[in-house]
Amino acid sequence: MLTFLSVAFSIYGAMHAYALSKVWLAFPHSTWLALALLLAGIVMTLSPLMLWYITRQNWHAATVAISWVAYLWMGFLFLFCCIALLLDLGHGLATVSGFHWHPGAAMGLFTAGLLALGLMGYGFISAKQIQLEKITITTPKLSPAIGKVTIAQISDLHLGIMLGDDFLDRVIARLREIQPDIIVATGDVVDGQGDDLIKLAKRFLALHPPKGAYAVTGNHEFFAGLENSLQFLRNAGFTVLRGESVATGGITLVGVDDPAALSTRQGIAANTSQVPVSPAADNFIVLLKHQPLVDTKIAFDLQLSGHVHGGQIFPFGILTRLKYGVSSGLTHLAGGRWLYVSRGTGTWEPPVRLFAPPEITLITVKSEIKQ
């Protein structure tokens, strides 16, 4: 964890240094400007640590205000750096090619800043437009007498300081609209110790999926505090599967802890190969696993995962695909198995989604009679 934080803050600090150097080059140099930029860079780079501290002091109003400022800035900074790098690359290529293109530091700063603001606005609106993705899987493992089972997958809601009543109302409205047989939550449902988590949990009780609601832990359940996260999920009406399986509606659901359980020493079943399958092992098996890492040692027909958010803010999705080897959506695996990776329903940190809209997924498992 310490190594990860060191790398993360080093990258974040480098982004600030790059962006603020653009400001330095665009304005007349002075000692006051240098000090102001240095102070701004230090404060904004360390703002996530400040939030971590004040959240644990239960200073709710300050946490909300600083969260919005810090995370909107984080989204803007990422987009600004991507655009500025493209402009610098274009300038470099033009110079090498013999073209005389010198927009000037001030023009470059203005262009990158304006484009980043525009994309931020678009991404902020996009993050509120929850899309319904539908997939259908046909299998001989589902009894013809049952016909079909519908599963609604929600993932990565990140309920807490940034996302609360209004967001959850939209999620619940869509779930009521599609009326699934089963609701599953594939991790990162909560993202903090917000004052309203108890009230938010009760809102889920308005849903009554006939074959139950089930959840697994994500990495943020452990980061936010496992016991509080589990209490939230159970108060919301979810059966939390931690290295367990359950048969319902003619299918078998298997759930495992996120690997963060190992690093935080709070988990019991991060190793999927140790998960017991119910006696109805000939059922269609749906594995609920937060991260889209496939374990060939466990039998499953369909794995439902989240975690990657589809990248959330383009072009970050390129990095997540390089790490996990899959993109969001449905992937056909060897042995007739399937992996579905949700783009997630909420947002992590910046309340922005750029070319990776949020989703609720409706999976229909249909019976196929063997010939």
Protein backbone atom coordinates (compact mmCIF):
# COMPACT_ATOMS: atom_id res chain seq x y z
CA MET A 1 0.00 0.00 0.00
CA LEU A 2 2.82 2.40 0.88
CA THR A 3 4.47 1.73 -2.47
CA PHE A 4 1.21 2.37 -4.31
CA LEU A 5 0.63 5.65 -2.48
CA SER A 6 4.19 6.78 -3.15
CA VAL A 7 3.83 6.12 -6.87
CA ALA A 8 0.36 7.69 -7.02
CA PHE A 9 1.42 10.91 -5.30
CA SER A 10 4.60 11.09 -7.38
CA ILE A 11 2.54 10.94 -10.56
CA TYR A 12 0.00 13.42 -9.21
CA GLY A 13 2.78 15.79 -8.18
CA ALA A 14 4.39 15.50 -11.62
CA MET A 15 1.06 16.38 -13.25
CA HIS A 16 0.85 19.51 -11.12
CA ALA A 17 4.43 20.45 -11.93
CA TYR A 18 3.74 20.08 -15.66
CA ALA A 19 0.45 22.03 -15.58
CA LEU A 20 1.77 24.83 -13.38
CA SER A 21 4.87 25.15 -15.55
CA LYS A 22 2.49 26.10 -18.36
CA VAL A 23 1.11 28.90 -16.17
CA TRP A 24 4.66 30.03 -15.32
CA LEU A 25 5.61 30.26 -18.99
CA ALA A 26 2.42 32.11 -19.93
CA PHE A 27 2.78 35.00 -17.46
CA PRO A 28 5.54 37.46 -16.57
CA HIS A 29 7.88 35.85 -14.07
CA SER A 30 7.99 37.11 -10.51
CA THR A 31 8.83 35.82 -7.07
CA TRP A 32 5.20 36.09 -5.99
CA LEU A 33 4.00 34.03 -8.94
CA ALA A 34 6.63 31.37 -8.24
CA LEU A 35 5.60 31.16 -4.57
CA ALA A 36 1.89 31.08 -5.43
CA LEU A 37 2.36 28.29 -7.96
CA LEU A 38 4.58 26.30 -5.58
CA LEU A 39 2.05 26.60 -2.74
CA ALA A 40 -0.88 25.71 -5.03
CA GLY A 41 0.98 22.67 -6.34
CA ILE A 42 1.80 21.38 -2.85
CA VAL A 43 -1.71 21.96 -1.46
CA MET A 44 -3.55 20.39 -4.41
CA THR A 45 -1.16 17.43 -4.62
CA LEU A 46 -1.69 16.68 -0.94
CA SER A 47 -5.44 17.43 -0.94
CA PRO A 48 -6.42 13.70 -1.00
CA LEU A 49 -4.43 13.23 2.21
CA MET A 50 -6.13 16.26 3.76
CA LEU A 51 -9.50 14.75 2.85
CA TRP A 52 -8.52 11.44 4.39
CA TYR A 53 -7.73 13.23 7.65
CA ILE A 54 -10.79 15.48 7.92
CA THR A 55 -13.11 12.62 6.95
CA ARG A 56 -11.90 10.71 9.97
CA GLN A 57 -12.51 13.75 12.15
CA ASN A 58 -16.19 13.67 11.08
CA TRP A 59 -16.05 17.26 9.82
CA HIS A 60 -18.83 16.60 7.36
CA ALA A 61 -19.40 20.10 5.93
CA ALA A 62 -15.68 20.67 5.36
CA THR A 63 -15.32 17.21 3.82
CA VAL A 64 -18.12 17.86 1.32
CA ALA A 65 -16.78 21.27 0.28
CA ILE A 66 -13.16 20.17 -0.06
CA SER A 67 -14.15 16.95 -1.85
CA TRP A 68 -15.93 18.84 -4.61
CA VAL A 69 -13.07 21.30 -5.07
CA ALA A 70 -10.31 18.66 -4.93
CA TYR A 71 -11.97 16.10 -7.19
CA LEU A 72 -13.25 18.54 -9.79
CA TRP A 73 -9.70 19.87 -9.94
CA MET A 74 -8.35 16.32 -10.26
CA GLY A 75 -10.55 15.68 -13.29
CA PHE A 76 -9.68 19.03 -14.86
CA LEU A 77 -5.95 18.50 -14.25
CA PHE A 78 -5.99 15.07 -15.91
CA LEU A 79 -7.75 16.41 -19.00
CA PHE A 80 -5.58 19.54 -19.12
CA CYS A 81 -2.37 17.49 -19.00
CA CYS A 82 -3.60 15.11 -21.73
CA ILE A 83 -4.54 18.00 -24.02
CA ALA A 84 -1.39 20.00 -23.28
CA LEU A 85 0.75 16.95 -24.00
CA LEU A 86 -0.99 16.51 -27.35
CA LEU A 87 -0.36 20.17 -28.17
CA ASP A 88 3.29 19.82 -27.18
CA LEU A 89 3.59 16.68 -29.30
CA GLY A 90 2.01 18.49 -32.25
CA HIS A 91 4.39 21.40 -31.79
CA GLY A 92 7.35 19.03 -31.65
CA LEU A 93 6.29 17.17 -34.80
CA ALA A 94 5.71 20.45 -36.62
CA THR A 95 9.19 21.64 -35.67
CA VAL A 96 10.83 18.39 -36.80
CA SER A 97 8.87 18.54 -40.07
CA GLY A 98 10.02 22.07 -40.77
CA PHE A 99 6.67 23.78 -40.19
CA HIS A 100 6.73 27.08 -38.33
CA TRP A 101 4.00 26.63 -35.73
CA HIS A 102 4.53 28.73 -32.62
CA PRO A 103 1.19 29.32 -30.85
CA GLY A 104 2.89 30.83 -27.80
CA ALA A 105 2.72 29.78 -24.15
CA ALA A 106 -0.34 31.92 -23.36
CA MET A 107 -2.31 30.60 -26.34
CA GLY A 108 -1.36 27.01 -25.47
CA LEU A 109 -2.47 27.50 -21.86
CA PHE A 110 -5.76 29.08 -22.93
CA THR A 111 -6.50 26.39 -25.52
CA ALA A 112 -5.74 23.46 -23.22
CA GLY A 113 -7.67 25.05 -20.35
CA LEU A 114 -10.73 25.85 -22.45
CA LEU A 115 -10.87 22.39 -24.02
CA ALA A 116 -10.44 20.74 -20.61
CA LEU A 117 -13.29 22.82 -19.17
CA GLY A 118 -15.54 21.92 -22.08
CA LEU A 119 -14.81 18.22 -21.73
CA MET A 120 -15.34 18.47 -17.96
CA GLY A 121 -18.80 19.94 -18.51
CA TYR A 122 -19.71 17.23 -20.99
CA GLY A 123 -18.34 14.52 -18.69
CA PHE A 124 -20.21 15.91 -15.68
CA ILE A 125 -23.51 15.66 -17.55
CA SER A 126 -22.61 12.23 -18.97
CA ALA A 127 -21.96 10.89 -15.45
CA LYS A 128 -25.62 11.47 -14.59
CA GLN A 129 -27.00 9.61 -17.63
CA ILE A 130 -27.22 5.99 -16.47
CA GLN A 131 -27.53 3.68 -19.46
CA LEU A 132 -29.18 0.27 -19.47
CA GLU A 133 -27.01 -2.38 -21.10
CA LYS A 134 -28.71 -5.67 -22.03
CA ILE A 135 -27.05 -9.01 -22.71
CA THR A 136 -28.55 -12.46 -23.22
CA ILE A 137 -26.82 -15.77 -22.49
CA THR A 138 -28.41 -19.03 -23.68
CA THR A 139 -27.52 -22.20 -21.79
CA PRO A 140 -28.68 -25.82 -21.57
CA LYS A 141 -27.97 -25.65 -17.82
CA LEU A 142 -31.14 -23.71 -17.08
CA SER A 143 -34.25 -25.84 -16.80
CA PRO A 144 -36.86 -25.33 -19.57
CA ALA A 145 -39.43 -25.22 -16.79
CA ILE A 146 -37.79 -22.01 -15.53
CA GLY A 147 -37.29 -20.55 -19.00
CA LYS A 148 -35.21 -17.54 -18.09
CA VAL A 149 -33.77 -15.60 -15.18
CA THR A 150 -32.99 -11.89 -15.26
CA ILE A 151 -30.11 -10.42 -13.25
CA ALA A 152 -29.54 -6.70 -12.78
CA GLN A 153 -25.90 -5.85 -12.10
CA ILE A 154 -24.91 -2.64 -10.37
CA SER A 155 -21.28 -1.93 -9.61
CA ASP A 156 -18.99 0.82 -8.34
CA LEU A 157 -21.69 3.12 -7.00
CA HIS A 158 -19.19 4.75 -4.59
CA LEU A 159 -21.91 6.04 -2.30
CA GLY A 160 -20.72 8.52 0.28
CA ILE A 161 -19.67 12.15 0.26
CA MET A 162 -19.84 12.77 -3.49
CA LEU A 163 -22.78 10.58 -4.45
CA GLY A 164 -25.89 10.47 -2.30
CA ASP A 165 -29.68 10.83 -2.42
CA ASP A 166 -30.20 12.16 -5.95
CA PHE A 167 -27.84 9.66 -7.51
CA LEU A 168 -29.27 6.69 -5.63
CA ASP A 169 -32.82 7.76 -6.54
CA ARG A 170 -31.87 7.49 -10.23
CA VAL A 171 -30.35 4.05 -9.69
CA ILE A 172 -33.38 2.73 -7.82
CA ALA A 173 -35.76 4.19 -10.41
CA ARG A 174 -34.00 2.28 -13.20
CA LEU A 175 -34.01 -0.95 -11.18
CA ARG A 176 -37.73 -0.59 -10.54
CA GLU A 177 -38.27 0.02 -14.22
CA ILE A 178 -36.59 -3.21 -15.37
CA GLN A 179 -37.89 -5.39 -12.48
CA PRO A 180 -35.16 -8.07 -12.45
CA ASP A 181 -35.49 -11.44 -10.73
CA ILE A 182 -32.14 -10.93 -9.00
CA ILE A 183 -30.04 -7.86 -8.16
CA VAL A 184 -26.29 -8.24 -7.76
CA ALA A 185 -23.77 -5.61 -6.65
CA THR A 186 -20.21 -6.38 -7.72
CA GLY A 187 -18.26 -4.24 -5.26
CA ASP A 188 -17.41 -0.65 -4.38
CA VAL A 189 -20.97 0.13 -3.38
CA VAL A 190 -19.71 2.43 -0.63
CA ASP A 191 -16.81 4.84 -0.73
CA GLY A 192 -16.57 6.48 2.66
CA GLN A 193 -17.96 7.05 6.10
CA GLY A 194 -20.58 9.60 5.03
CA ASP A 195 -23.15 10.74 7.58
CA ASP A 196 -26.07 9.59 5.41
CA LEU A 197 -24.98 6.01 4.70
CA ILE A 198 -27.59 4.55 7.06
CA LYS A 199 -30.34 6.53 5.37
CA LEU A 200 -29.03 5.57 1.93
CA ALA A 201 -29.05 1.88 2.84
CA LYS A 202 -32.75 2.00 3.70
CA ARG A 203 -33.58 3.32 0.22
CA PHE A 204 -32.61 -0.05 -1.26
CA LEU A 205 -35.32 -1.72 0.78
CA ALA A 206 -37.90 -0.26 -1.62
CA LEU A 207 -36.69 -2.88 -4.11
CA HIS A 208 -38.07 -6.39 -3.81
CA PRO A 209 -36.33 -8.67 -6.32
CA PRO A 210 -38.24 -11.97 -6.11
CA LYS A 211 -35.13 -14.17 -6.11
CA GLY A 212 -33.00 -11.98 -3.87
CA ALA A 213 -30.26 -9.33 -3.81
CA TYR A 214 -26.61 -10.35 -3.45
CA ALA A 215 -23.32 -8.46 -3.14
CA VAL A 216 -19.58 -8.95 -2.93
CA THR A 217 -16.89 -6.70 -1.55
CA GLY A 218 -14.76 -4.40 -3.68
CA ASN A 219 -11.50 -2.75 -2.73
CA HIS A 220 -13.30 0.34 -1.42
CA GLU A 221 -15.33 -1.69 1.06
CA PHE A 222 -12.02 -2.49 2.73
CA PHE A 223 -10.59 1.02 2.36
CA ALA A 224 -13.75 2.56 3.84
CA GLY A 225 -13.81 0.09 6.75
CA LEU A 226 -15.01 -3.47 6.23
CA GLU A 227 -17.40 -3.78 9.17
CA ASN A 228 -19.22 -0.53 8.36
CA SER A 229 -19.38 -1.51 4.69
CA LEU A 230 -20.80 -4.96 5.46
CA GLN A 231 -23.34 -3.44 7.81
CA PHE A 232 -24.40 -1.02 5.07
CA LEU A 233 -24.85 -3.81 2.51
CA ARG A 234 -26.84 -5.98 4.90
CA ASN A 235 -29.01 -3.06 6.02
CA ALA A 236 -29.67 -2.42 2.31
CA GLY A 237 -31.08 -5.94 1.96
CA PHE A 238 -28.10 -7.60 0.26
CA THR A 239 -26.84 -11.06 1.14
CA VAL A 240 -23.06 -10.65 1.10
CA LEU A 241 -21.25 -13.62 -0.43
CA ARG A 242 -17.75 -13.94 1.00
CA GLY A 243 -16.34 -17.19 -0.31
CA GLU A 244 -19.86 -18.59 -0.42
CA SER A 245 -22.40 -19.78 -2.95
CA VAL A 246 -26.16 -19.84 -3.08
CA ALA A 247 -28.65 -21.45 -5.45
CA THR A 248 -31.58 -19.30 -6.50
CA GLY A 249 -33.92 -19.27 -9.46
CA GLY A 250 -32.25 -22.28 -11.08
CA ILE A 251 -28.77 -20.72 -11.10
CA THR A 252 -25.89 -20.71 -8.63
CA LEU A 253 -24.33 -17.46 -7.47
CA VAL A 254 -20.77 -17.57 -6.14
CA GLY A 255 -19.13 -14.55 -4.49
CA VAL A 256 -15.58 -13.80 -3.38
CA ASP A 257 -13.78 -11.00 -1.57
CA ASP A 258 -11.73 -8.50 -3.50
CA PRO A 259 -7.92 -9.06 -3.36
CA ALA A 260 -7.75 -5.94 -1.17
CA ALA A 261 -8.84 -8.33 1.55
CA LEU A 262 -5.34 -9.79 1.54
CA SER A 263 -3.45 -6.49 1.63
CA THR A 264 -5.62 -5.16 4.45
CA ARG A 265 -5.88 -8.54 6.23
CA GLN A 266 -9.64 -8.19 6.52
CA GLY A 267 -10.83 -10.82 4.04
CA ILE A 268 -11.63 -14.51 4.18
CA ALA A 269 -11.92 -15.69 0.58
CA ALA A 270 -9.94 -13.74 -1.94
CA ASN A 271 -8.77 -17.03 -3.45
CA THR A 272 -11.61 -18.17 -5.70
CA SER A 273 -10.18 -21.67 -6.03
CA GLN A 274 -11.18 -22.29 -2.40
CA VAL A 275 -14.82 -21.29 -2.85
CA PRO A 276 -17.27 -24.12 -2.24
CA VAL A 277 -19.98 -24.54 -4.88
CA SER A 278 -23.46 -25.48 -3.77
CA PRO A 279 -24.74 -29.06 -4.24
CA ALA A 280 -26.56 -27.86 -7.37
CA ALA A 281 -23.24 -27.76 -9.23
CA ASP A 282 -24.90 -28.55 -12.54
CA ASN A 283 -26.67 -25.19 -12.35
CA PHE A 284 -25.59 -22.25 -14.45
CA ILE A 285 -22.90 -20.69 -12.24
CA VAL A 286 -22.52 -16.91 -12.01
CA LEU A 287 -19.34 -15.74 -10.30
CA LEU A 288 -19.46 -12.31 -8.66
CA LYS A 289 -15.95 -10.89 -8.49
CA HIS A 290 -15.10 -7.21 -8.28
CA GLN A 291 -11.95 -7.12 -10.39
CA PRO A 292 -12.03 -8.65 -13.88
CA LEU A 293 -9.32 -11.21 -13.13
CA VAL A 294 -10.20 -14.69 -14.37
CA ASP A 295 -9.27 -17.67 -12.19
CA THR A 296 -9.31 -20.87 -14.24
CA LYS A 297 -9.35 -23.01 -11.07
CA ILE A 298 -12.99 -22.33 -10.30
CA ALA A 299 -15.94 -23.54 -12.33
CA PHE A 300 -18.20 -20.79 -13.58
CA ASP A 301 -20.24 -20.05 -16.66
CA LEU A 302 -20.47 -16.27 -16.36
CA GLN A 303 -18.28 -13.92 -14.33
CA LEU A 304 -19.66 -10.50 -13.49
CA SER A 305 -17.08 -7.85 -12.58
CA GLY A 306 -16.59 -4.10 -12.42
CA HIS A 307 -13.77 -2.03 -10.93
CA VAL A 308 -12.35 -0.52 -14.14
CA HIS A 309 -15.17 2.01 -14.75
CA GLY A 310 -14.50 1.70 -18.47
CA GLY A 311 -11.62 4.06 -17.68
CA GLN A 312 -14.18 6.69 -16.50
CA ILE A 313 -12.27 9.55 -18.13
CA PHE A 314 -10.80 8.95 -21.58
CA PRO A 315 -8.00 8.04 -22.30
CA PHE A 316 -7.55 6.30 -18.93
CA GLY A 317 -9.43 3.28 -20.28
CA ILE A 318 -6.40 2.43 -22.42
CA LEU A 319 -4.37 1.88 -19.23
CA THR A 320 -7.04 -0.30 -17.58
CA ARG A 321 -7.24 -2.45 -20.70
CA LEU A 322 -3.47 -2.91 -20.69
CA LYS A 323 -3.55 -3.96 -17.03
CA TYR A 324 -6.49 -6.38 -17.15
CA GLY A 325 -6.36 -7.50 -20.78
CA VAL A 326 -10.07 -6.93 -21.32
CA SER A 327 -12.28 -3.95 -22.01
CA SER A 328 -15.72 -3.25 -20.63
CA GLY A 329 -18.54 -5.36 -21.98
CA LEU A 330 -18.95 -9.04 -22.79
CA THR A 331 -15.93 -11.26 -23.52
CA HIS A 332 -16.13 -14.88 -24.64
CA LEU A 333 -13.62 -17.01 -22.74
CA ALA A 334 -12.22 -20.45 -23.45
CA GLY A 335 -14.40 -23.41 -22.53
CA GLY A 336 -17.66 -21.68 -23.38
CA ARG A 337 -17.45 -19.31 -20.42
CA TRP A 338 -18.20 -15.60 -20.40
CA LEU A 339 -16.89 -12.50 -18.64
CA TYR A 340 -18.92 -9.33 -18.39
CA VAL A 341 -17.18 -6.19 -17.13
CA SER A 342 -19.45 -3.32 -16.14
CA ARG A 343 -18.44 0.30 -16.71
CA GLY A 344 -19.85 0.93 -13.24
CA THR A 345 -22.88 2.87 -12.11
CA GLY A 346 -21.28 5.74 -10.20
CA THR A 347 -18.00 7.63 -10.30
CA TRP A 348 -14.80 7.44 -8.30
CA GLU A 349 -13.44 10.82 -7.13
CA PRO A 350 -14.03 13.26 -10.07
CA PRO A 351 -17.82 13.23 -10.72
CA VAL A 352 -17.07 13.05 -14.43
CA ARG A 353 -17.33 10.37 -17.13
CA LEU A 354 -15.85 10.98 -20.54
CA PHE A 355 -16.76 8.47 -23.26
CA ALA A 356 -17.48 5.85 -20.57
CA PRO A 357 -21.11 6.43 -19.51
CA PRO A 358 -22.41 4.80 -16.31
CA GLU A 359 -24.50 1.68 -16.61
CA ILE A 360 -26.87 -0.78 -15.05
CA THR A 361 -26.65 -4.15 -16.77
CA LEU A 362 -29.61 -6.47 -17.35
CA ILE A 363 -28.41 -10.02 -17.94
CA THR A 364 -30.97 -12.53 -19.22
CA VAL A 365 -30.02 -16.19 -18.80
CA LYS A 366 -32.26 -18.24 -21.11
CA SER A 367 -32.87 -21.96 -21.26
CA GLU A 368 -31.65 -23.95 -24.25
CA ILE A 369 -32.85 -27.51 -24.69
CA LYS A 370 -30.07 -29.97 -25.52
CA GLN A 371 -30.55 -31.75 -28.88
